[in-house]
PDB file of N, CA and C in Angstrom:
ATOM      1  N   UNK A   1      82.562  56.353 107.144  1.00  0.00           N
ATOM      2  CA  UNK A   1      81.381  56.974 107.682  1.00  0.00           C
ATOM      3  C   UNK A   1      81.116  58.326 107.015  1.00  0.00           C
ATOM      4  N   UNK A   2      82.190  59.038 106.659  1.00  0.00           N
ATOM      5  CA  UNK A   2      82.026  60.339 106.014  1.00  0.00           C
ATOM      6  C   UNK A   2      81.338  60.185 104.664  1.00  0.00           C
ATOM      7  N   UNK A   3      81.740  59.187 103.915  1.00  0.00           N
ATOM      8  CA  UNK A   3      81.132  58.955 102.601  1.00  0.00           C
ATOM      9  C   UNK A   3      79.665  58.579 102.753  1.00  0.00           C
ATOM     10  N   UNK A   4      79.369  57.719 103.708  1.00  0.00           N
ATOM     11  CA  UNK A   4      77.983  57.315 103.955  1.00  0.00           C
ATOM     12  C   UNK A   4      77.134  58.518 104.340  1.00  0.00           C
ATOM     13  N   UNK A   5      77.672  59.372 105.209  1.00  0.00           N
ATOM     14  CA  UNK A   5      76.931  60.567 105.619  1.00  0.00           C
ATOM     15  C   UNK A   5      76.668  61.481 104.434  1.00  0.00           C
ATOM     16  N   UNK A   6      77.673  61.649 103.577  1.00  0.00           N
ATOM     17  CA  UNK A   6      77.484  62.516 102.399  1.00  0.00           C
ATOM     18  C   UNK A   6      76.412  61.936 101.486  1.00  0.00           C
ATOM     19  N   UNK A   7      76.480  60.647 101.212  1.00  0.00           N
ATOM     20  CA  UNK A   7      75.472  60.037 100.337  1.00  0.00           C
ATOM     21  C   UNK A   7      74.083  60.110 100.956  1.00  0.00           C
ATOM     22  N   UNK A   8      74.018  60.158 102.272  1.00  0.00           N
ATOM     23  CA  UNK A   8      72.739  60.296 102.960  1.00  0.00           C
ATOM     24  C   UNK A   8      72.268  61.736 103.060  1.00  0.00           C
ATOM     25  N   UNK A   9      73.032  62.658 102.493  1.00  0.00           N
ATOM     26  CA  UNK A   9      72.635  64.062 102.503  1.00  0.00           C
ATOM     27  C   UNK A   9      73.001  64.813 103.766  1.00  0.00           C
ATOM     28  N   UNK A  10      73.852  64.240 104.606  1.00  0.00           N
ATOM     29  CA  UNK A  10      74.229  64.876 105.858  1.00  0.00           C
ATOM     30  C   UNK A  10      75.670  65.372 105.759  1.00  0.00           C
ATOM     31  N   UNK A  11      75.850  66.515 105.103  1.00  0.00           N
ATOM     32  CA  UNK A  11      77.189  67.056 104.872  1.00  0.00           C
ATOM     33  C   UNK A  11      77.883  67.450 106.172  1.00  0.00           C
ATOM     34  N   UNK A  12      77.119  67.904 107.157  1.00  0.00           N
ATOM     35  CA  UNK A  12      77.715  68.258 108.443  1.00  0.00           C
ATOM     36  C   UNK A  12      78.373  67.066 109.108  1.00  0.00           C
ATOM     37  N   UNK A  13      77.676  65.945 109.129  1.00  0.00           N
ATOM     38  CA  UNK A  13      78.240  64.723 109.704  1.00  0.00           C
ATOM     39  C   UNK A  13      79.423  64.247 108.866  1.00  0.00           C
ATOM     40  N   UNK A  14      79.344  64.406 107.554  1.00  0.00           N
ATOM     41  CA  UNK A  14      80.457  64.019 106.684  1.00  0.00           C
ATOM     42  C   UNK A  14      81.710  64.812 107.040  1.00  0.00           C
ATOM     43  N   UNK A  15      81.561  66.116 107.278  1.00  0.00           N
ATOM     44  CA  UNK A  15      82.713  66.952 107.657  1.00  0.00           C
ATOM     45  C   UNK A  15      83.298  66.492 108.990  1.00  0.00           C
ATOM     46  N   UNK A  16      82.432  66.219 109.955  1.00  0.00           N
ATOM     47  CA  UNK A  16      82.898  65.776 111.271  1.00  0.00           C
ATOM     48  C   UNK A  16      83.666  64.459 111.144  1.00  0.00           C
ATOM     49  N   UNK A  17      83.120  63.523 110.421  1.00  0.00           N
ATOM     50  CA  UNK A  17      83.783  62.223 110.250  1.00  0.00           C
ATOM     51  C   UNK A  17      85.110  62.370 109.513  1.00  0.00           C
ATOM     52  N   UNK A  18      85.156  63.226 108.505  1.00  0.00           N
ATOM     53  CA  UNK A  18      86.394  63.463 107.759  1.00  0.00           C
ATOM     54  C   UNK A  18      87.459  64.052 108.681  1.00  0.00           C
ATOM     55  N   UNK A  19      87.084  65.034 109.495  1.00  0.00           N
ATOM     56  CA  UNK A  19      88.031  65.637 110.439  1.00  0.00           C
ATOM     57  C   UNK A  19      88.548  64.604 111.434  1.00  0.00           C
ATOM     58  N   UNK A  20      87.651  63.784 111.952  1.00  0.00           N
ATOM     59  CA  UNK A  20      88.079  62.777 112.928  1.00  0.00           C
ATOM     60  C   UNK A  20      89.054  61.776 112.316  1.00  0.00           C
ATOM     61  N   UNK A  21      88.751  61.294 111.125  1.00  0.00           N
ATOM     62  CA  UNK A  21      89.638  60.324 110.475  1.00  0.00           C
ATOM     63  C   UNK A  21      91.026  60.923 110.248  1.00  0.00           C
ATOM     64  N   UNK A  22      91.065  62.148 109.743  1.00  0.00           N
ATOM     65  CA  UNK A  22      92.354  62.804 109.509  1.00  0.00           C
ATOM     66  C   UNK A  22      93.095  63.039 110.818  1.00  0.00           C
ATOM     67  N   UNK A  23      92.366  63.477 111.836  1.00  0.00           N
ATOM     68  CA  UNK A  23      92.983  63.720 113.137  1.00  0.00           C
ATOM     69  C   UNK A  23      93.573  62.459 113.741  1.00  0.00           C
ATOM     70  N   UNK A  24      92.871  61.344 113.616  1.00  0.00           N
ATOM     71  CA  UNK A  24      93.384  60.074 114.134  1.00  0.00           C
ATOM     72  C   UNK A  24      94.645  59.656 113.389  1.00  0.00           C
ATOM     73  N   UNK A  25      94.674  59.853 112.081  1.00  0.00           N
ATOM     74  CA  UNK A  25      95.871  59.499 111.308  1.00  0.00           C
ATOM     75  C   UNK A  25      97.055  60.363 111.732  1.00  0.00           C
ATOM     76  N   UNK A  26      96.810  61.650 111.933  1.00  0.00           N
ATOM     77  CA  UNK A  26      97.880  62.554 112.370  1.00  0.00           C
ATOM     78  C   UNK A  26      98.370  62.142 113.755  1.00  0.00           C
ATOM     79  N   UNK A  27      97.436  61.878 114.668  1.00  0.00           N
ATOM     80  CA  UNK A  27      97.820  61.478 116.021  1.00  0.00           C
ATOM     81  C   UNK A  27      98.689  60.221 115.989  1.00  0.00           C
ATOM     82  N   UNK A  28      98.288  59.215 115.197  1.00  0.00           N
ATOM     83  CA  UNK A  28      99.071  57.985 115.096  1.00  0.00           C
ATOM     84  C   UNK A  28     100.475  58.237 114.577  1.00  0.00           C
ATOM     85  N   UNK A  29     100.585  59.086 113.566  1.00  0.00           N
ATOM     86  CA  UNK A  29     101.898  59.420 112.996  1.00  0.00           C
ATOM     87  C   UNK A  29     102.754  60.132 114.040  1.00  0.00           C
ATOM     88  N   UNK A  30     102.154  61.097 114.727  1.00  0.00           N
ATOM     89  CA  UNK A  30     102.898  61.845 115.746  1.00  0.00           C
ATOM     90  C   UNK A  30     103.373  60.909 116.861  1.00  0.00           C
ATOM     91  N   UNK A  31     102.543  59.969 117.251  1.00  0.00           N
ATOM     92  CA  UNK A  31     102.952  59.014 118.285  1.00  0.00           C
ATOM     93  C   UNK A  31     104.099  58.136 117.799  1.00  0.00           C
ATOM     94  N   UNK A  32     104.034  57.691 116.532  1.00  0.00           N
ATOM     95  CA  UNK A  32     105.128  56.885 115.973  1.00  0.00           C
ATOM     96  C   UNK A  32     106.423  57.687 115.885  1.00  0.00           C
ATOM     97  N   UNK A  33     106.299  59.005 115.729  1.00  0.00           N
ATOM     98  CA  UNK A  33     107.474  59.878 115.666  1.00  0.00           C
ATOM     99  C   UNK A  33     107.984  60.231 117.061  1.00  0.00           C
ATOM    100  N   UNK A  34     107.238  59.859 118.093  1.00  0.00           N
ATOM    101  CA  UNK A  34     107.624  60.172 119.458  1.00  0.00           C
ATOM    102  C   UNK A  34     107.275  61.592 119.871  1.00  0.00           C
ATOM    103  N   UNK A  35     106.367  62.231 119.132  1.00  0.00           N
ATOM    104  CA  UNK A  35     105.996  63.618 119.442  1.00  0.00           C
ATOM    105  C   UNK A  35     104.504  63.755 119.734  1.00  0.00           C
ATOM    106  N   UNK A  36     103.862  62.632 119.974  1.00  0.00           N
ATOM    107  CA  UNK A  36     102.427  62.663 120.236  1.00  0.00           C
ATOM    108  C   UNK A  36     102.107  63.209 121.609  1.00  0.00           C
ATOM    109  N   UNK A  37     100.956  63.831 121.695  1.00  0.00           N
ATOM    110  CA  UNK A  37     100.466  64.318 122.977  1.00  0.00           C
ATOM    111  C   UNK A  37      99.084  63.724 123.192  1.00  0.00           C
ATOM    112  N   UNK A  38      98.963  62.910 124.199  1.00  0.00           N
ATOM    113  CA  UNK A  38      97.696  62.261 124.505  1.00  0.00           C
ATOM    114  C   UNK A  38      96.643  63.285 124.871  1.00  0.00           C
ATOM    115  N   UNK A  39      95.410  62.977 124.540  1.00  0.00           N
ATOM    116  CA  UNK A  39      94.297  63.806 124.960  1.00  0.00           C
ATOM    117  C   UNK A  39      93.960  64.959 124.041  1.00  0.00           C
ATOM    118  N   UNK A  40      94.726  65.139 122.975  1.00  0.00           N
ATOM    119  CA  UNK A  40      94.410  66.229 122.046  1.00  0.00           C
ATOM    120  C   UNK A  40      93.310  65.786 121.100  1.00  0.00           C
ATOM    121  N   UNK A  41      92.454  66.713 120.756  1.00  0.00           N
ATOM    122  CA  UNK A  41      91.354  66.428 119.839  1.00  0.00           C
ATOM    123  C   UNK A  41      91.861  66.338 118.406  1.00  0.00           C
ATOM    124  N   UNK A  42      91.031  65.753 117.561  1.00  0.00           N
ATOM    125  CA  UNK A  42      91.343  65.712 116.132  1.00  0.00           C
ATOM    126  C   UNK A  42      91.507  67.129 115.595  1.00  0.00           C
ATOM    127  N   UNK A  43      90.651  68.028 116.045  1.00  0.00           N
ATOM    128  CA  UNK A  43      90.728  69.419 115.598  1.00  0.00           C
ATOM    129  C   UNK A  43      92.073  70.043 115.962  1.00  0.00           C
ATOM    130  N   UNK A  44      92.552  69.766 117.149  1.00  0.00           N
ATOM    131  CA  UNK A  44      93.846  70.311 117.587  1.00  0.00           C
ATOM    132  C   UNK A  44      94.984  69.739 116.749  1.00  0.00           C
ATOM    133  N   UNK A  45      94.918  68.455 116.418  1.00  0.00           N
ATOM    134  CA  UNK A  45      95.945  67.857 115.551  1.00  0.00           C
ATOM    135  C   UNK A  45      95.916  68.501 114.170  1.00  0.00           C
ATOM    136  N   UNK A  46      94.726  68.782 113.664  1.00  0.00           N
ATOM    137  CA  UNK A  46      94.612  69.444 112.364  1.00  0.00           C
ATOM    138  C   UNK A  46      95.169  70.862 112.416  1.00  0.00           C
ATOM    139  N   UNK A  47      94.909  71.577 113.499  1.00  0.00           N
ATOM    140  CA  UNK A  47      95.450  72.930 113.648  1.00  0.00           C
ATOM    141  C   UNK A  47      96.979  72.896 113.631  1.00  0.00           C
ATOM    142  N   UNK A  48      97.554  71.987 114.386  1.00  0.00           N
ATOM    143  CA  UNK A  48      99.005  71.874 114.426  1.00  0.00           C
ATOM    144  C   UNK A  48      99.595  71.520 113.075  1.00  0.00           C
ATOM    145  N   UNK A  49      98.920  70.640 112.360  1.00  0.00           N
ATOM    146  CA  UNK A  49      99.387  70.237 111.033  1.00  0.00           C
ATOM    147  C   UNK A  49      99.318  71.397 110.050  1.00  0.00           C
ATOM    148  N   UNK A  50      98.257  72.170 110.114  1.00  0.00           N
ATOM    149  CA  UNK A  50      98.100  73.317 109.209  1.00  0.00           C
ATOM    150  C   UNK A  50      99.207  74.345 109.404  1.00  0.00           C
ATOM    151  N   UNK A  51      99.788  74.395 110.590  1.00  0.00           N
ATOM    152  CA  UNK A  51     100.828  75.388 110.898  1.00  0.00           C
ATOM    153  C   UNK A  51     102.251  74.840 110.842  1.00  0.00           C
ATOM    154  N   UNK A  52     102.400  73.536 110.672  1.00  0.00           N
ATOM    155  CA  UNK A  52     103.715  72.887 110.733  1.00  0.00           C
ATOM    156  C   UNK A  52     104.477  73.071 109.426  1.00  0.00           C
ATOM    157  N   UNK A  53     105.404  74.014 109.404  1.00  0.00           N
ATOM    158  CA  UNK A  53     106.154  74.345 108.178  1.00  0.00           C
ATOM    159  C   UNK A  53     107.097  73.218 107.739  1.00  0.00           C
ATOM    160  N   UNK A  54     107.289  72.201 108.556  1.00  0.00           N
ATOM    161  CA  UNK A  54     108.142  71.084 108.146  1.00  0.00           C
ATOM    162  C   UNK A  54     107.393  70.111 107.238  1.00  0.00           C
ATOM    163  N   UNK A  55     106.072  70.269 107.151  1.00  0.00           N
ATOM    164  CA  UNK A  55     105.252  69.394 106.305  1.00  0.00           C
ATOM    165  C   UNK A  55     105.054  70.025 104.936  1.00  0.00           C
ATOM    166  N   UNK A  56     104.813  69.203 103.912  1.00  0.00           N
ATOM    167  CA  UNK A  56     104.582  69.739 102.570  1.00  0.00           C
ATOM    168  C   UNK A  56     103.367  70.689 102.541  1.00  0.00           C
ATOM    169  N   UNK A  57     103.426  71.645 101.632  1.00  0.00           N
ATOM    170  CA  UNK A  57     102.378  72.667 101.532  1.00  0.00           C
ATOM    171  C   UNK A  57     100.997  72.060 101.293  1.00  0.00           C
ATOM    172  N   UNK A  58     100.919  71.020 100.460  1.00  0.00           N
ATOM    173  CA  UNK A  58      99.599  70.442 100.173  1.00  0.00           C
ATOM    174  C   UNK A  58      99.002  69.752 101.405  1.00  0.00           C
ATOM    175  N   UNK A  59      99.838  69.272 102.297  1.00  0.00           N
ATOM    176  CA  UNK A  59      99.372  68.653 103.537  1.00  0.00           C
ATOM    177  C   UNK A  59      98.861  69.734 104.481  1.00  0.00           C
ATOM    178  N   UNK A  60      99.620  70.824 104.592  1.00  0.00           N
ATOM    179  CA  UNK A  60      99.167  71.942 105.432  1.00  0.00           C
ATOM    180  C   UNK A  60      97.852  72.515 104.920  1.00  0.00           C
ATOM    181  N   UNK A  61      97.727  72.628 103.589  1.00  0.00           N
ATOM    182  CA  UNK A  61      96.500  73.179 102.995  1.00  0.00           C
ATOM    183  C   UNK A  61      95.306  72.266 103.256  1.00  0.00           C
ATOM    184  N   UNK A  62      95.498  70.967 103.111  1.00  0.00           N
ATOM    185  CA  UNK A  62      94.397  70.022 103.358  1.00  0.00           C
ATOM    186  C   UNK A  62      93.937  70.124 104.810  1.00  0.00           C
ATOM    187  N   UNK A  63      94.877  70.215 105.733  1.00  0.00           N
ATOM    188  CA  UNK A  63      94.516  70.354 107.147  1.00  0.00           C
ATOM    189  C   UNK A  63      93.787  71.676 107.387  1.00  0.00           C
ATOM    190  N   UNK A  64      94.252  72.727 106.750  1.00  0.00           N
ATOM    191  CA  UNK A  64      93.611  74.040 106.907  1.00  0.00           C
ATOM    192  C   UNK A  64      92.174  74.015 106.409  1.00  0.00           C
ATOM    193  N   UNK A  65      91.918  73.319 105.319  1.00  0.00           N
ATOM    194  CA  UNK A  65      90.549  73.216 104.798  1.00  0.00           C
ATOM    195  C   UNK A  65      89.628  72.534 105.801  1.00  0.00           C
ATOM    196  N   UNK A  66      90.158  71.533 106.495  1.00  0.00           N
ATOM    197  CA  UNK A  66      89.329  70.772 107.425  1.00  0.00           C
ATOM    198  C   UNK A  66      88.986  71.538 108.702  1.00  0.00           C
ATOM    199  N   UNK A  67      89.706  72.606 108.994  1.00  0.00           N
ATOM    200  CA  UNK A  67      89.395  73.376 110.200  1.00  0.00           C
ATOM    201  C   UNK A  67      88.700  74.702 109.889  1.00  0.00           C
ATOM    202  N   UNK A  68      88.417  74.933 108.618  1.00  0.00           N
ATOM    203  CA  UNK A  68      87.683  76.151 108.253  1.00  0.00           C
ATOM    204  C   UNK A  68      86.263  76.107 108.802  1.00  0.00           C
ATOM    205  N   UNK A  69      85.790  77.248 109.202  1.00  0.00           N
ATOM    206  CA  UNK A  69      84.390  77.354 109.635  1.00  0.00           C
ATOM    207  C   UNK A  69      83.511  77.523 108.407  1.00  0.00           C
ATOM    208  N   UNK A  70      82.348  76.893 108.453  1.00  0.00           N
ATOM    209  CA  UNK A  70      81.406  77.059 107.353  1.00  0.00           C
ATOM    210  C   UNK A  70      80.673  78.383 107.509  1.00  0.00           C
ATOM    211  N   UNK A  71      80.184  78.902 106.401  1.00  0.00           N
ATOM    212  CA  UNK A  71      79.458  80.158 106.420  1.00  0.00           C
ATOM    213  C   UNK A  71      77.997  79.951 106.792  1.00  0.00           C
ATOM    214  N   UNK A  72      77.272  81.051 106.832  1.00  0.00           N
ATOM    215  CA  UNK A  72      75.846  80.988 107.167  1.00  0.00           C
ATOM    216  C   UNK A  72      75.058  80.146 106.168  1.00  0.00           C
ATOM    217  N   UNK A  73      75.595  80.032 104.954  1.00  0.00           N
ATOM    218  CA  UNK A  73      74.949  79.220 103.921  1.00  0.00           C
ATOM    219  C   UNK A  73      75.323  77.742 104.037  1.00  0.00           C
ATOM    220  N   UNK A  74      76.065  77.395 105.105  1.00  0.00           N
ATOM    221  CA  UNK A  74      76.518  76.023 105.374  1.00  0.00           C
ATOM    222  C   UNK A  74      77.498  75.520 104.321  1.00  0.00           C
ATOM    223  N   UNK A  75      78.250  76.437 103.732  1.00  0.00           N
ATOM    224  CA  UNK A  75      79.271  76.103 102.742  1.00  0.00           C
ATOM    225  C   UNK A  75      80.632  76.572 103.239  1.00  0.00           C
ATOM    226  N   UNK A  76      81.680  75.908 102.775  1.00  0.00           N
ATOM    227  CA  UNK A  76      83.034  76.345 103.090  1.00  0.00           C
ATOM    228  C   UNK A  76      83.341  77.622 102.323  1.00  0.00           C
ATOM    229  N   UNK A  77      84.187  78.489 102.869  1.00  0.00           N
ATOM    230  CA  UNK A  77      84.531  79.727 102.171  1.00  0.00           C
ATOM    231  C   UNK A  77      85.520  79.529 101.022  1.00  0.00           C
ATOM    232  N   UNK A  78      85.987  78.315 100.806  1.00  0.00           N
ATOM    233  CA  UNK A  78      86.892  78.001  99.695  1.00  0.00           C
ATOM    234  C   UNK A  78      86.317  76.825  98.909  1.00  0.00           C
ATOM    235  N   UNK A  79      86.804  76.659  97.704  1.00  0.00           N
ATOM    236  CA  UNK A  79      86.376  75.533  96.876  1.00  0.00           C
ATOM    237  C   UNK A  79      87.243  74.328  97.236  1.00  0.00           C
ATOM    238  N   UNK A  80      86.759  73.525  98.162  1.00  0.00           N
ATOM    239  CA  UNK A  80      87.503  72.354  98.622  1.00  0.00           C
ATOM    240  C   UNK A  80      86.506  71.254  98.960  1.00  0.00           C
ATOM    241  N   UNK A  81      86.967  70.026  98.832  1.00  0.00           N
ATOM    242  CA  UNK A  81      86.166  68.873  99.232  1.00  0.00           C
ATOM    243  C   UNK A  81      86.822  68.272 100.464  1.00  0.00           C
ATOM    244  N   UNK A  82      86.166  68.393 101.600  1.00  0.00           N
ATOM    245  CA  UNK A  82      86.777  67.943 102.853  1.00  0.00           C
ATOM    246  C   UNK A  82      87.027  66.440 102.868  1.00  0.00           C
ATOM    247  N   UNK A  83      86.236  65.667 102.166  1.00  0.00           N
ATOM    248  CA  UNK A  83      86.494  64.233 102.103  1.00  0.00           C
ATOM    249  C   UNK A  83      87.777  63.953 101.336  1.00  0.00           C
ATOM    250  N   UNK A  84      87.994  64.664 100.241  1.00  0.00           N
ATOM    251  CA  UNK A  84      89.250  64.515  99.496  1.00  0.00           C
ATOM    252  C   UNK A  84      90.437  64.957 100.350  1.00  0.00           C
ATOM    253  N   UNK A  85      90.276  66.079 101.057  1.00  0.00           N
ATOM    254  CA  UNK A  85      91.361  66.550 101.926  1.00  0.00           C
ATOM    255  C   UNK A  85      91.666  65.538 103.023  1.00  0.00           C
ATOM    256  N   UNK A  86      90.637  64.943 103.603  1.00  0.00           N
ATOM    257  CA  UNK A  86      90.852  63.926 104.638  1.00  0.00           C
ATOM    258  C   UNK A  86      91.584  62.720 104.059  1.00  0.00           C
ATOM    259  N   UNK A  87      91.228  62.317 102.855  1.00  0.00           N
ATOM    260  CA  UNK A  87      91.914  61.176 102.211  1.00  0.00           C
ATOM    261  C   UNK A  87      93.396  61.487 102.007  1.00  0.00           C
ATOM    262  N   UNK A  88      93.697  62.701 101.563  1.00  0.00           N
ATOM    263  CA  UNK A  88      95.086  63.109 101.354  1.00  0.00           C
ATOM    264  C   UNK A  88      95.855  62.992 102.671  1.00  0.00           C
ATOM    265  N   UNK A  89      95.270  63.505 103.742  1.00  0.00           N
ATOM    266  CA  UNK A  89      95.940  63.468 105.044  1.00  0.00           C
ATOM    267  C   UNK A  89      96.093  62.050 105.573  1.00  0.00           C
ATOM    268  N   UNK A  90      95.039  61.270 105.505  1.00  0.00           N
ATOM    269  CA  UNK A  90      95.117  59.889 105.990  1.00  0.00           C
ATOM    270  C   UNK A  90      96.179  59.123 105.206  1.00  0.00           C
ATOM    271  N   UNK A  91      96.160  59.238 103.885  1.00  0.00           N
ATOM    272  CA  UNK A  91      97.160  58.524 103.077  1.00  0.00           C
ATOM    273  C   UNK A  91      98.575  58.979 103.415  1.00  0.00           C
ATOM    274  N   UNK A  92      98.774  60.270 103.548  1.00  0.00           N
ATOM    275  CA  UNK A  92     100.109  60.793 103.857  1.00  0.00           C
ATOM    276  C   UNK A  92     100.585  60.302 105.219  1.00  0.00           C
ATOM    277  N   UNK A  93      99.769  60.436 106.241  1.00  0.00           N
ATOM    278  CA  UNK A  93     100.210  60.113 107.594  1.00  0.00           C
ATOM    279  C   UNK A  93     100.231  58.620 107.887  1.00  0.00           C
ATOM    280  N   UNK A  94      99.494  57.826 107.143  1.00  0.00           N
ATOM    281  CA  UNK A  94      99.591  56.375 107.333  1.00  0.00           C
ATOM    282  C   UNK A  94     100.803  55.806 106.622  1.00  0.00           C
ATOM    283  N   UNK A  95     101.256  56.460 105.562  1.00  0.00           N
ATOM    284  CA  UNK A  95     102.418  55.982 104.799  1.00  0.00           C
ATOM    285  C   UNK A  95     103.705  56.566 105.343  1.00  0.00           C
ATOM    286  N   UNK A  96     103.664  57.811 105.805  1.00  0.00           N
ATOM    287  CA  UNK A  96     104.875  58.512 106.253  1.00  0.00           C
ATOM    288  C   UNK A  96     105.253  58.092 107.652  1.00  0.00           C
ATOM    289  N   UNK A  97     106.492  57.706 107.804  1.00  0.00           N
ATOM    290  CA  UNK A  97     107.015  57.455 109.137  1.00  0.00           C
ATOM    291  C   UNK A  97     108.254  58.298 109.376  1.00  0.00           C
ATOM    292  N   UNK A  98     109.183  58.253 108.467  1.00  0.00           N
ATOM    293  CA  UNK A  98     110.442  58.976 108.665  1.00  0.00           C
ATOM    294  C   UNK A  98     110.706  59.982 107.552  1.00  0.00           C
ATOM    295  N   UNK A  99     109.722  60.233 106.708  1.00  0.00           N
ATOM    296  CA  UNK A  99     109.931  61.080 105.543  1.00  0.00           C
ATOM    297  C   UNK A  99     109.972  62.560 105.849  1.00  0.00           C
ATOM    298  N   UNK A 100     109.403  62.992 106.957  1.00  0.00           N
ATOM    299  CA  UNK A 100     109.298  64.433 107.207  1.00  0.00           C
ATOM    300  C   UNK A 100     110.253  64.887 108.281  1.00  0.00           C
TER     301      UNK A 100
END
């Protein structure tokens, strides 16, 4: 859905969809690890991931990009592609079970 929104010119919806997909992947991984907390939002899972020093730096950075606030110009304050960051997180958390 994020890719479709971006191609349709709706970058805001693309960011929301990217955050949700990454958050769901993180939640699933946390539940498989026995550390999941029901009822947390995708945003909250991303916040926790961005701060979790037990995770690789590139994973924390990708999560941090997804929770950045956009500026008045509707752009991120860093040079990042939130769809790419979401893909990194989804791939990591869908593949990782006991690696971290």
